[in-house]
PDB file of N, CA and C in Angstrom:
ATOM      1  N   MET A   1       0.845  -1.131   0.020  1.00  0.00           N
ATOM      2  CA  MET A   1      -0.016  -0.014   0.001  1.00  0.00           C
ATOM      3  C   MET A   1       0.892   1.243   0.008  1.00  0.00           C
ATOM      4  N   MET A   2       0.503   2.226  -0.815  1.00  0.00           N
ATOM      5  CA  MET A   2       1.292   3.476  -0.904  1.00  0.00           C
ATOM      6  C   MET A   2       0.645   4.538  -0.074  1.00  0.00           C
ATOM      7  N   THR A   3       1.517   5.303   0.642  1.00  0.00           N
ATOM      8  CA  THR A   3       1.025   6.442   1.459  1.00  0.00           C
ATOM      9  C   THR A   3       1.391   7.748   0.757  1.00  0.00           C
ATOM     10  N   VAL A   4       0.428   8.606   0.673  1.00  0.00           N
ATOM     11  CA  VAL A   4       0.600   9.902  -0.033  1.00  0.00           C
ATOM     12  C   VAL A   4       0.377  11.038   0.981  1.00  0.00           C
ATOM     13  N   THR A   5       1.322  11.982   1.053  1.00  0.00           N
ATOM     14  CA  THR A   5       1.125  13.150   1.860  1.00  0.00           C
ATOM     15  C   THR A   5       0.879  14.337   0.944  1.00  0.00           C
ATOM     16  N   GLU A   6      -0.248  14.976   1.207  1.00  0.00           N
ATOM     17  CA  GLU A   6      -0.643  16.137   0.412  1.00  0.00           C
ATOM     18  C   GLU A   6      -0.352  17.400   1.161  1.00  0.00           C
ATOM     19  N   ILE A   7       0.489  18.262   0.558  1.00  0.00           N
ATOM     20  CA  ILE A   7       0.888  19.511   1.192  1.00  0.00           C
ATOM     21  C   ILE A   7      -0.208  20.589   0.994  1.00  0.00           C
ATOM     22  N   ALA A   8      -0.672  21.137   2.074  1.00  0.00           N
ATOM     23  CA  ALA A   8      -1.701  22.192   1.999  1.00  0.00           C
ATOM     24  C   ALA A   8      -1.150  23.454   1.493  1.00  0.00           C
ATOM     25  N   LYS A   9      -1.963  24.182   0.622  1.00  0.00           N
ATOM     26  CA  LYS A   9      -1.557  25.411   0.071  1.00  0.00           C
ATOM     27  C   LYS A   9      -2.498  26.518   0.545  1.00  0.00           C
ATOM     28  N   ARG A  10      -1.959  27.724   0.736  1.00  0.00           N
ATOM     29  CA  ARG A  10      -2.746  28.905   0.999  1.00  0.00           C
ATOM     30  C   ARG A  10      -2.703  29.789  -0.244  1.00  0.00           C
ATOM     31  N   LEU A  11      -3.861  30.141  -0.721  1.00  0.00           N
ATOM     32  CA  LEU A  11      -3.954  31.007  -1.871  1.00  0.00           C
ATOM     33  C   LEU A  11      -4.352  32.447  -1.397  1.00  0.00           C
ATOM     34  N   THR A  12      -3.814  33.435  -2.092  1.00  0.00           N
ATOM     35  CA  THR A  12      -4.210  34.799  -1.771  1.00  0.00           C
ATOM     36  C   THR A  12      -5.616  35.066  -2.278  1.00  0.00           C
ATOM     37  N   PRO A  13      -6.542  35.568  -1.439  1.00  0.00           N
ATOM     38  CA  PRO A  13      -7.882  35.778  -1.906  1.00  0.00           C
ATOM     39  C   PRO A  13      -7.914  36.784  -3.067  1.00  0.00           C
ATOM     40  N   GLU A  14      -8.737  36.492  -4.083  1.00  0.00           N
ATOM     41  CA  GLU A  14      -8.885  37.374  -5.214  1.00  0.00           C
ATOM     42  C   GLU A  14      -9.838  38.482  -4.943  1.00  0.00           C
ATOM     43  N   GLY A  15      -9.813  39.527  -5.784  1.00  0.00           N
ATOM     44  CA  GLY A  15     -10.708  40.683  -5.570  1.00  0.00           C
ATOM     45  C   GLY A  15     -12.176  40.325  -5.396  1.00  0.00           C
ATOM     46  N   GLU A  16     -12.674  39.389  -6.204  1.00  0.00           N
ATOM     47  CA  GLU A  16     -14.091  39.004  -6.104  1.00  0.00           C
ATOM     48  C   GLU A  16     -14.372  38.358  -4.764  1.00  0.00           C
ATOM     49  N   THR A  17     -13.462  37.564  -4.236  1.00  0.00           N
ATOM     50  CA  THR A  17     -13.641  36.959  -2.920  1.00  0.00           C
ATOM     51  C   THR A  17     -13.685  38.023  -1.843  1.00  0.00           C
ATOM     52  N   LEU A  18     -12.770  38.995  -1.935  1.00  0.00           N
ATOM     53  CA  LEU A  18     -12.741  40.069  -0.920  1.00  0.00           C
ATOM     54  C   LEU A  18     -14.029  40.881  -0.968  1.00  0.00           C
ATOM     55  N   ARG A  19     -14.555  41.095  -2.204  1.00  0.00           N
ATOM     56  CA  ARG A  19     -15.828  41.793  -2.352  1.00  0.00           C
ATOM     57  C   ARG A  19     -16.972  41.127  -1.673  1.00  0.00           C
ATOM     58  N   LYS A  20     -17.018  39.797  -1.810  1.00  0.00           N
ATOM     59  CA  LYS A  20     -18.052  38.979  -1.197  1.00  0.00           C
ATOM     60  C   LYS A  20     -17.958  38.985   0.326  1.00  0.00           C
ATOM     61  N   VAL A  21     -16.720  38.976   0.853  1.00  0.00           N
ATOM     62  CA  VAL A  21     -16.464  39.075   2.243  1.00  0.00           C
ATOM     63  C   VAL A  21     -17.021  40.392   2.766  1.00  0.00           C
ATOM     64  N   PHE A  22     -16.674  41.481   2.035  1.00  0.00           N
ATOM     65  CA  PHE A  22     -17.098  42.865   2.421  1.00  0.00           C
ATOM     66  C   PHE A  22     -18.631  42.870   2.486  1.00  0.00           C
ATOM     67  N   LEU A  23     -19.296  42.356   1.473  1.00  0.00           N
ATOM     68  CA  LEU A  23     -20.804  42.440   1.420  1.00  0.00           C
ATOM     69  C   LEU A  23     -21.428  41.613   2.501  1.00  0.00           C
ATOM     70  N   LYS A  24     -20.873  40.439   2.792  1.00  0.00           N
ATOM     71  CA  LYS A  24     -21.473  39.579   3.803  1.00  0.00           C
ATOM     72  C   LYS A  24     -21.217  40.052   5.247  1.00  0.00           C
ATOM     73  N   CYS A  25     -20.134  40.704   5.484  1.00  0.00           N
ATOM     74  CA  CYS A  25     -19.789  41.087   6.835  1.00  0.00           C
ATOM     75  C   CYS A  25     -20.296  42.502   7.233  1.00  0.00           C
ATOM     76  N   GLY A  26     -20.849  43.252   6.282  1.00  0.00           N
ATOM     77  CA  GLY A  26     -21.326  44.571   6.572  1.00  0.00           C
ATOM     78  C   GLY A  26     -20.209  45.498   6.809  1.00  0.00           C
ATOM     79  N   ASN A  27     -19.023  45.233   6.315  1.00  0.00           N
ATOM     80  CA  ASN A  27     -17.831  46.072   6.456  1.00  0.00           C
ATOM     81  C   ASN A  27     -17.245  46.026   7.877  1.00  0.00           C
ATOM     82  N   LEU A  28     -17.645  45.054   8.657  1.00  0.00           N
ATOM     83  CA  LEU A  28     -17.079  44.904  10.022  1.00  0.00           C
ATOM     84  C   LEU A  28     -16.340  43.577  10.213  1.00  0.00           C
ATOM     85  N   CYS A  29     -15.317  43.620  11.035  1.00  0.00           N
ATOM     86  CA  CYS A  29     -14.586  42.400  11.387  1.00  0.00           C
ATOM     87  C   CYS A  29     -15.572  41.372  11.966  1.00  0.00           C
ATOM     88  N   ALA A  30     -15.388  40.125  11.671  1.00  0.00           N
ATOM     89  CA  ALA A  30     -16.238  39.067  12.208  1.00  0.00           C
ATOM     90  C   ALA A  30     -15.804  38.553  13.548  1.00  0.00           C
ATOM     91  N   PHE A  31     -14.642  38.982  14.038  1.00  0.00           N
ATOM     92  CA  PHE A  31     -14.185  38.580  15.356  1.00  0.00           C
ATOM     93  C   PHE A  31     -15.086  39.126  16.420  1.00  0.00           C
ATOM     94  N   PRO A  32     -15.576  38.346  17.413  1.00  0.00           N
ATOM     95  CA  PRO A  32     -16.473  38.883  18.417  1.00  0.00           C
ATOM     96  C   PRO A  32     -15.946  40.144  19.110  1.00  0.00           C
ATOM     97  N   ARG A  33     -16.822  41.082  19.283  1.00  0.00           N
ATOM     98  CA  ARG A  33     -16.567  42.363  19.911  1.00  0.00           C
ATOM     99  C   ARG A  33     -15.476  43.246  19.184  1.00  0.00           C
ATOM    100  N   CYS A  34     -15.201  42.950  17.956  1.00  0.00           N
ATOM    101  CA  CYS A  34     -14.241  43.769  17.215  1.00  0.00           C
ATOM    102  C   CYS A  34     -15.067  44.661  16.267  1.00  0.00           C
ATOM    103  N   ALA A  35     -14.740  45.968  16.276  1.00  0.00           N
ATOM    104  CA  ALA A  35     -15.458  46.934  15.430  1.00  0.00           C
ATOM    105  C   ALA A  35     -14.615  47.432  14.302  1.00  0.00           C
ATOM    106  N   ALA A  36     -13.510  46.759  14.005  1.00  0.00           N
ATOM    107  CA  ALA A  36     -12.609  47.221  12.910  1.00  0.00           C
ATOM    108  C   ALA A  36     -13.266  47.113  11.548  1.00  0.00           C
ATOM    109  N   LEU A  37     -13.082  48.061  10.743  1.00  0.00           N
ATOM    110  CA  LEU A  37     -13.606  48.050   9.329  1.00  0.00           C
ATOM    111  C   LEU A  37     -12.798  47.137   8.464  1.00  0.00           C
ATOM    112  N   MET A  38     -13.430  46.566   7.463  1.00  0.00           N
ATOM    113  CA  MET A  38     -12.745  45.695   6.481  1.00  0.00           C
ATOM    114  C   MET A  38     -12.265  46.520   5.278  1.00  0.00           C
ATOM    115  N   MET A  39     -12.961  47.638   4.941  1.00  0.00           N
ATOM    116  CA  MET A  39     -12.639  48.423   3.790  1.00  0.00           C
ATOM    117  C   MET A  39     -12.698  49.894   4.213  1.00  0.00           C
ATOM    118  N   ASP A  40     -11.746  50.690   3.794  1.00  0.00           N
ATOM    119  CA  ASP A  40     -11.720  52.135   4.171  1.00  0.00           C
ATOM    120  C   ASP A  40     -12.593  52.967   3.243  1.00  0.00           C
ATOM    121  N   ALA A  41     -12.657  54.292   3.482  1.00  0.00           N
ATOM    122  CA  ALA A  41     -13.602  55.160   2.723  1.00  0.00           C
ATOM    123  C   ALA A  41     -13.144  55.234   1.224  1.00  0.00           C
ATOM    124  N   ASP A  42     -11.868  54.978   0.927  1.00  0.00           N
ATOM    125  CA  ASP A  42     -11.381  54.991  -0.456  1.00  0.00           C
ATOM    126  C   ASP A  42     -11.661  53.689  -1.180  1.00  0.00           C
ATOM    127  N   GLY A  43     -12.224  52.690  -0.521  1.00  0.00           N
ATOM    128  CA  GLY A  43     -12.521  51.401  -1.165  1.00  0.00           C
ATOM    129  C   GLY A  43     -11.331  50.429  -1.112  1.00  0.00           C
ATOM    130  N   THR A  44     -10.360  50.762  -0.277  1.00  0.00           N
ATOM    131  CA  THR A  44      -9.190  49.866  -0.122  1.00  0.00           C
ATOM    132  C   THR A  44      -9.500  48.830   0.939  1.00  0.00           C
ATOM    133  N   PHE A  45      -9.257  47.552   0.598  1.00  0.00           N
ATOM    134  CA  PHE A  45      -9.487  46.500   1.603  1.00  0.00           C
ATOM    135  C   PHE A  45      -8.371  46.536   2.637  1.00  0.00           C
ATOM    136  N   ILE A  46      -8.715  46.885   3.871  1.00  0.00           N
ATOM    137  CA  ILE A  46      -7.692  47.012   4.933  1.00  0.00           C
ATOM    138  C   ILE A  46      -7.824  45.889   5.984  1.00  0.00           C
ATOM    139  N   GLY A  47      -8.804  45.096   5.844  1.00  0.00           N
ATOM    140  CA  GLY A  47      -9.007  43.921   6.770  1.00  0.00           C
ATOM    141  C   GLY A  47      -8.075  42.770   6.401  1.00  0.00           C
ATOM    142  N   GLN A  48      -8.206  41.723   7.174  1.00  0.00           N
ATOM    143  CA  GLN A  48      -7.400  40.532   6.958  1.00  0.00           C
ATOM    144  C   GLN A  48      -8.357  39.377   6.786  1.00  0.00           C
ATOM    145  N   ALA A  49      -8.363  38.739   5.660  1.00  0.00           N
ATOM    146  CA  ALA A  49      -9.255  37.570   5.420  1.00  0.00           C
ATOM    147  C   ALA A  49      -8.546  36.358   5.987  1.00  0.00           C
ATOM    148  N   CYS A  50      -9.122  35.796   7.053  1.00  0.00           N
ATOM    149  CA  CYS A  50      -8.492  34.653   7.744  1.00  0.00           C
ATOM    150  C   CYS A  50      -9.243  33.358   7.387  1.00  0.00           C
ATOM    151  N   HIS A  51      -8.549  32.273   7.558  1.00  0.00           N
ATOM    152  CA  HIS A  51      -9.180  30.971   7.317  1.00  0.00           C
ATOM    153  C   HIS A  51      -9.722  30.454   8.673  1.00  0.00           C
ATOM    154  N   ILE A  52     -10.833  29.769   8.611  1.00  0.00           N
ATOM    155  CA  ILE A  52     -11.416  29.182   9.817  1.00  0.00           C
ATOM    156  C   ILE A  52     -10.572  28.060  10.354  1.00  0.00           C
ATOM    157  N   GLU A  53      -9.971  27.275   9.461  1.00  0.00           N
ATOM    158  CA  GLU A  53      -9.222  26.108   9.855  1.00  0.00           C
ATOM    159  C   GLU A  53      -7.789  26.233   9.346  1.00  0.00           C
ATOM    160  N   ALA A  54      -6.837  25.905  10.141  1.00  0.00           N
ATOM    161  CA  ALA A  54      -5.452  25.989   9.796  1.00  0.00           C
ATOM    162  C   ALA A  54      -5.123  24.956   8.668  1.00  0.00           C
ATOM    163  N   ALA A  55      -4.206  25.286   7.794  1.00  0.00           N
ATOM    164  CA  ALA A  55      -3.739  24.342   6.792  1.00  0.00           C
ATOM    165  C   ALA A  55      -2.788  23.372   7.373  1.00  0.00           C
ATOM    166  N   SER A  56      -2.887  22.115   7.019  1.00  0.00           N
ATOM    167  CA  SER A  56      -1.947  21.098   7.513  1.00  0.00           C
ATOM    168  C   SER A  56      -1.798  20.036   6.483  1.00  0.00           C
ATOM    169  N   ALA A  57      -0.699  19.346   6.497  1.00  0.00           N
ATOM    170  CA  ALA A  57      -0.478  18.229   5.594  1.00  0.00           C
ATOM    171  C   ALA A  57      -1.471  17.116   5.844  1.00  0.00           C
ATOM    172  N   VAL A  58      -1.940  16.490   4.818  1.00  0.00           N
ATOM    173  CA  VAL A  58      -2.906  15.390   4.940  1.00  0.00           C
ATOM    174  C   VAL A  58      -2.216  14.126   4.444  1.00  0.00           C
ATOM    175  N   THR A  59      -2.252  13.087   5.239  1.00  0.00           N
ATOM    176  CA  THR A  59      -1.639  11.792   4.814  1.00  0.00           C
ATOM    177  C   THR A  59      -2.770  10.847   4.523  1.00  0.00           C
ATOM    178  N   ARG A  60      -2.746  10.253   3.383  1.00  0.00           N
ATOM    179  CA  ARG A  60      -3.784   9.257   2.979  1.00  0.00           C
ATOM    180  C   ARG A  60      -3.112   7.953   2.595  1.00  0.00           C
ATOM    181  N   ALA A  61      -3.739   6.888   3.052  1.00  0.00           N
ATOM    182  CA  ALA A  61      -3.195   5.556   2.729  1.00  0.00           C
ATOM    183  C   ALA A  61      -3.900   4.956   1.557  1.00  0.00           C
TER     184      ALA A  61
END
């Protein structure tokens, strides 16, 4: 039996993804009790799009 380890990759969010995040979050950080804006008055994305789950290598048999 062969074991394969898959290396997790993190991709930089594209503009369309950031736009969807902005629309869904109401321009506010999703972290509890945080009032930081995700986009400034000039339309520049100033927030940080985080992943819910950390990337890790996956081993499959």
